[in-house]
C-alpha atoms as a PDB file:
ATOM      1  CA  UNK A   1       7.284  -9.428 -31.404  1.00  0.00           C
ATOM      2  CA  UNK A   2       6.623 -13.152 -31.467  1.00  0.00           C
ATOM      3  CA  UNK A   3       8.416 -15.589 -29.173  1.00  0.00           C
ATOM      4  CA  UNK A   4       9.448 -17.619 -32.232  1.00  0.00           C
ATOM      5  CA  UNK A   5      11.370 -14.613 -33.588  1.00  0.00           C
ATOM      6  CA  UNK A   6      13.076 -14.077 -30.226  1.00  0.00           C
ATOM      7  CA  UNK A   7      14.144 -17.728 -30.178  1.00  0.00           C
ATOM      8  CA  UNK A   8      15.574 -17.466 -33.717  1.00  0.00           C
ATOM      9  CA  UNK A   9      17.549 -14.360 -32.773  1.00  0.00           C
ATOM     10  CA  UNK A  10      18.939 -16.019 -29.650  1.00  0.00           C
ATOM     11  CA  UNK A  11      19.782 -19.161 -31.623  1.00  0.00           C
ATOM     12  CA  UNK A  12      21.940 -17.043 -33.955  1.00  0.00           C
ATOM     13  CA  UNK A  13      23.689 -15.352 -31.029  1.00  0.00           C
ATOM     14  CA  UNK A  14      24.419 -18.671 -29.370  1.00  0.00           C
ATOM     15  CA  UNK A  15      25.627 -20.306 -32.592  1.00  0.00           C
ATOM     16  CA  UNK A  16      27.996 -17.350 -33.075  1.00  0.00           C
ATOM     17  CA  UNK A  17      29.303 -17.714 -29.503  1.00  0.00           C
ATOM     18  CA  UNK A  18      28.064 -14.282 -28.434  1.00  0.00           C
ATOM     19  CA  UNK A  19      27.743 -13.455 -24.748  1.00  0.00           C
ATOM     20  CA  UNK A  20      24.310 -11.896 -24.399  1.00  0.00           C
ATOM     21  CA  UNK A  21      21.624 -11.010 -21.878  1.00  0.00           C
ATOM     22  CA  UNK A  22      17.931 -10.408 -22.534  1.00  0.00           C
ATOM     23  CA  UNK A  23      16.492  -7.494 -20.577  1.00  0.00           C
ATOM     24  CA  UNK A  24      13.163  -5.701 -20.716  1.00  0.00           C
ATOM     25  CA  UNK A  25       9.832  -7.456 -20.871  1.00  0.00           C
ATOM     26  CA  UNK A  26      11.132 -10.551 -22.615  1.00  0.00           C
ATOM     27  CA  UNK A  27      13.768 -10.831 -19.895  1.00  0.00           C
ATOM     28  CA  UNK A  28      11.093 -10.855 -17.189  1.00  0.00           C
ATOM     29  CA  UNK A  29       8.998 -13.343 -19.142  1.00  0.00           C
ATOM     30  CA  UNK A  30      12.134 -15.474 -19.516  1.00  0.00           C
ATOM     31  CA  UNK A  31      12.505 -15.507 -15.731  1.00  0.00           C
ATOM     32  CA  UNK A  32       8.827 -16.446 -15.340  1.00  0.00           C
ATOM     33  CA  UNK A  33       9.225 -19.113 -18.042  1.00  0.00           C
ATOM     34  CA  UNK A  34       6.234 -18.081 -20.159  1.00  0.00           C
ATOM     35  CA  UNK A  35       4.988 -15.110 -22.149  1.00  0.00           C
ATOM     36  CA  UNK A  36       2.791 -12.962 -19.915  1.00  0.00           C
ATOM     37  CA  UNK A  37       2.048 -10.037 -22.239  1.00  0.00           C
ATOM     38  CA  UNK A  38       2.582  -8.836 -25.819  1.00  0.00           C
ATOM     39  CA  UNK A  39       6.025  -7.402 -26.573  1.00  0.00           C
ATOM     40  CA  UNK A  40       6.877  -4.790 -29.189  1.00  0.00           C
ATOM     41  CA  UNK A  41      10.612  -5.357 -28.967  1.00  0.00           C
ATOM     42  CA  UNK A  42      13.484  -7.469 -27.731  1.00  0.00           C
ATOM     43  CA  UNK A  43      16.087  -5.733 -25.554  1.00  0.00           C
ATOM     44  CA  UNK A  44      19.331  -7.651 -25.900  1.00  0.00           C
ATOM     45  CA  UNK A  45      22.722  -6.724 -24.517  1.00  0.00           C
ATOM     46  CA  UNK A  46      25.574  -8.300 -26.498  1.00  0.00           C
ATOM     47  CA  UNK A  47      29.344  -8.502 -26.531  1.00  0.00           C
ATOM     48  CA  UNK A  48      30.268  -5.458 -28.650  1.00  0.00           C
ATOM     49  CA  UNK A  49      32.907  -7.538 -30.445  1.00  0.00           C
ATOM     50  CA  UNK A  50      30.033  -9.212 -32.349  1.00  0.00           C
ATOM     51  CA  UNK A  51      27.908  -6.122 -32.970  1.00  0.00           C
ATOM     52  CA  UNK A  52      28.716  -5.632 -36.676  1.00  0.00           C
ATOM     53  CA  UNK A  53      28.059  -9.281 -37.565  1.00  0.00           C
ATOM     54  CA  UNK A  54      24.833  -9.314 -35.561  1.00  0.00           C
ATOM     55  CA  UNK A  55      23.540  -6.154 -37.232  1.00  0.00           C
ATOM     56  CA  UNK A  56      24.440  -7.578 -40.647  1.00  0.00           C
ATOM     57  CA  UNK A  57      22.508 -10.762 -39.845  1.00  0.00           C
ATOM     58  CA  UNK A  58      19.467  -8.809 -38.612  1.00  0.00           C
ATOM     59  CA  UNK A  59      19.568  -6.677 -41.773  1.00  0.00           C
ATOM     60  CA  UNK A  60      19.622  -9.846 -43.895  1.00  0.00           C
ATOM     61  CA  UNK A  61      16.355 -10.809 -42.158  1.00  0.00           C
ATOM     62  CA  UNK A  62      14.635  -7.549 -43.109  1.00  0.00           C
ATOM     63  CA  UNK A  63      15.461  -5.399 -40.084  1.00  0.00           C
ATOM     64  CA  UNK A  64      16.466  -1.785 -40.673  1.00  0.00           C
ATOM     65  CA  UNK A  65      18.138   0.685 -38.311  1.00  0.00           C
ATOM     66  CA  UNK A  66      15.451   3.083 -37.064  1.00  0.00           C
ATOM     67  CA  UNK A  67      17.304   4.706 -34.171  1.00  0.00           C
ATOM     68  CA  UNK A  68      21.048   4.889 -33.594  1.00  0.00           C
ATOM     69  CA  UNK A  69      22.128   6.040 -30.146  1.00  0.00           C
ATOM     70  CA  UNK A  70      25.441   4.245 -30.128  1.00  0.00           C
ATOM     71  CA  UNK A  71      27.373   3.555 -28.053  1.00  0.00           C
ATOM     72  CA  UNK A  72      24.307   2.994 -25.831  1.00  0.00           C
ATOM     73  CA  UNK A  73      21.974   1.223 -28.245  1.00  0.00           C
ATOM     74  CA  UNK A  74      20.849   0.797 -31.803  1.00  0.00           C
ATOM     75  CA  UNK A  75      17.256  -0.068 -32.655  1.00  0.00           C
ATOM     76  CA  UNK A  76      16.335  -2.124 -35.681  1.00  0.00           C
ATOM     77  CA  UNK A  77      12.765  -2.631 -36.884  1.00  0.00           C
ATOM     78  CA  UNK A  78      11.011  -5.038 -39.203  1.00  0.00           C
ATOM     79  CA  UNK A  79       7.358  -5.872 -39.809  1.00  0.00           C
ATOM     80  CA  UNK A  80       7.750  -8.548 -37.114  1.00  0.00           C
ATOM     81  CA  UNK A  81       8.976  -6.232 -34.353  1.00  0.00           C
ATOM     82  CA  UNK A  82      11.983  -4.355 -33.051  1.00  0.00           C
ATOM     83  CA  UNK A  83      15.342  -5.379 -31.654  1.00  0.00           C
ATOM     84  CA  UNK A  84      17.140  -2.960 -29.330  1.00  0.00           C
ATOM     85  CA  UNK A  85      20.804  -3.949 -29.433  1.00  0.00           C
ATOM     86  CA  UNK A  86      22.880  -2.710 -26.499  1.00  0.00           C
ATOM     87  CA  UNK A  87      26.595  -3.340 -27.134  1.00  0.00           C
ATOM     88  CA  UNK A  88      28.773  -3.912 -24.096  1.00  0.00           C
ATOM     89  CA  UNK A  89      32.515  -4.457 -23.880  1.00  0.00           C
ATOM     90  CA  UNK A  90      33.372  -7.551 -21.871  1.00  0.00           C
ATOM     91  CA  UNK A  91      35.968  -7.084 -19.134  1.00  0.00           C
ATOM     92  CA  UNK A  92      38.336  -9.745 -17.779  1.00  0.00           C
ATOM     93  CA  UNK A  93      35.772 -10.830 -15.151  1.00  0.00           C
ATOM     94  CA  UNK A  94      33.040 -11.356 -17.761  1.00  0.00           C
ATOM     95  CA  UNK A  95      31.125  -8.229 -16.828  1.00  0.00           C
ATOM     96  CA  UNK A  96      29.541  -6.195 -19.605  1.00  0.00           C
ATOM     97  CA  UNK A  97      30.641  -2.566 -19.624  1.00  0.00           C
ATOM     98  CA  UNK A  98      28.315  -0.261 -21.550  1.00  0.00           C
ATOM     99  CA  UNK A  99      29.101   3.328 -22.438  1.00  0.00           C
ATOM    100  CA  UNK A 100      26.501   6.077 -22.057  1.00  0.00           C
ATOM    101  CA  UNK A 101      25.831   9.016 -24.342  1.00  0.00           C
ATOM    102  CA  UNK A 102      27.527  11.491 -22.020  1.00  0.00           C
ATOM    103  CA  UNK A 103      30.466   9.375 -20.871  1.00  0.00           C
ATOM    104  CA  UNK A 104      28.553   7.391 -18.260  1.00  0.00           C
ATOM    105  CA  UNK A 105      29.575   3.792 -17.698  1.00  0.00           C
ATOM    106  CA  UNK A 106      27.089   1.051 -16.873  1.00  0.00           C
ATOM    107  CA  UNK A 107      28.317  -2.312 -15.600  1.00  0.00           C
ATOM    108  CA  UNK A 108      26.204  -5.395 -16.233  1.00  0.00           C
ATOM    109  CA  UNK A 109      27.736  -7.873 -13.805  1.00  0.00           C
ATOM    110  CA  UNK A 110      28.245 -11.421 -15.014  1.00  0.00           C
ATOM    111  CA  UNK A 111      26.605 -12.679 -11.817  1.00  0.00           C
ATOM    112  CA  UNK A 112      23.325 -11.110 -12.960  1.00  0.00           C
ATOM    113  CA  UNK A 113      23.163 -13.260 -16.111  1.00  0.00           C
ATOM    114  CA  UNK A 114      20.902 -16.182 -15.256  1.00  0.00           C
ATOM    115  CA  UNK A 115      19.023 -18.850 -17.150  1.00  0.00           C
ATOM    116  CA  UNK A 116      15.433 -18.444 -18.217  1.00  0.00           C
ATOM    117  CA  UNK A 117      13.076 -19.907 -20.814  1.00  0.00           C
ATOM    118  CA  UNK A 118      11.257 -18.381 -23.764  1.00  0.00           C
ATOM    119  CA  UNK A 119       8.909 -20.550 -25.791  1.00  0.00           C
ATOM    120  CA  UNK A 120      10.463 -23.636 -24.182  1.00  0.00           C
ATOM    121  CA  UNK A 121      14.026 -22.653 -25.104  1.00  0.00           C
ATOM    122  CA  UNK A 122      16.771 -21.881 -22.592  1.00  0.00           C
ATOM    123  CA  UNK A 123      17.978 -18.275 -22.795  1.00  0.00           C
ATOM    124  CA  UNK A 124      20.182 -15.932 -20.767  1.00  0.00           C
ATOM    125  CA  UNK A 125      18.282 -13.174 -18.986  1.00  0.00           C
ATOM    126  CA  UNK A 126      18.925 -10.542 -16.337  1.00  0.00           C
ATOM    127  CA  UNK A 127      18.363 -11.721 -12.767  1.00  0.00           C
ATOM    128  CA  UNK A 128      15.226 -10.536 -10.988  1.00  0.00           C
ATOM    129  CA  UNK A 129      17.370  -8.161  -8.931  1.00  0.00           C
ATOM    130  CA  UNK A 130      18.937  -6.647 -12.070  1.00  0.00           C
ATOM    131  CA  UNK A 131      15.598  -6.525 -13.920  1.00  0.00           C
ATOM    132  CA  UNK A 132      14.130  -4.543 -11.037  1.00  0.00           C
ATOM    133  CA  UNK A 133      17.114  -2.152 -10.967  1.00  0.00           C
ATOM    134  CA  UNK A 134      16.783  -1.514 -14.709  1.00  0.00           C
ATOM    135  CA  UNK A 135      13.213  -0.311 -14.094  1.00  0.00           C
ATOM    136  CA  UNK A 136      14.217   2.461 -11.703  1.00  0.00           C
ATOM    137  CA  UNK A 137      15.012   6.081 -12.435  1.00  0.00           C
ATOM    138  CA  UNK A 138      11.949   6.836 -14.545  1.00  0.00           C
ATOM    139  CA  UNK A 139       8.174   6.905 -14.022  1.00  0.00           C
ATOM    140  CA  UNK A 140       6.885   3.342 -14.531  1.00  0.00           C
ATOM    141  CA  UNK A 141       4.687   2.673 -17.509  1.00  0.00           C
ATOM    142  CA  UNK A 142       1.834   0.161 -17.417  1.00  0.00           C
ATOM    143  CA  UNK A 143       4.117  -2.564 -18.812  1.00  0.00           C
ATOM    144  CA  UNK A 144       6.721  -1.783 -16.133  1.00  0.00           C
ATOM    145  CA  UNK A 145       4.113  -2.142 -13.392  1.00  0.00           C
ATOM    146  CA  UNK A 146       3.099  -5.484 -14.899  1.00  0.00           C
ATOM    147  CA  UNK A 147       6.729  -6.647 -14.993  1.00  0.00           C
ATOM    148  CA  UNK A 148       7.431  -5.413 -11.462  1.00  0.00           C
ATOM    149  CA  UNK A 149       4.429  -7.357 -10.148  1.00  0.00           C
ATOM    150  CA  UNK A 150       5.801 -10.502 -11.796  1.00  0.00           C
ATOM    151  CA  UNK A 151       9.214  -9.856 -10.241  1.00  0.00           C
ATOM    152  CA  UNK A 152       7.509  -9.462  -6.830  1.00  0.00           C
ATOM    153  CA  UNK A 153       5.932 -12.892  -7.283  1.00  0.00           C
ATOM    154  CA  UNK A 154       9.313 -14.466  -8.033  1.00  0.00           C
END
């Protein structure tokens, strides 16, 4: 997935007033301030209130739903890459509350939304602490080891 596509997606979210947070590899690269590796997808957590409009916009750009695990996530794919949309309900404190498949609840604290840069554009990403936490609980892949090394350097 090209940085230019990520920037266009984020521009739409910001123009629509959506609270969002980029996680995954693009989130780490946003913290670093430059692209450090190829990315197949964009992991973006959004205010669930805007989910339908966002999915409609992505569909208008040629994305199609390829995996639907709502309420946790919905994956859309196009020839240019994939977008993993993670809807979260915003609580009164600005924290994102995400439901799991089996009734779990995941809280994405507002304090872990920080500024980063992708392709020279300011974006909202997960803090280094949160990015590291999101990479626990499963055996790390090669891309995770790469991202964790970058987080160590921060």
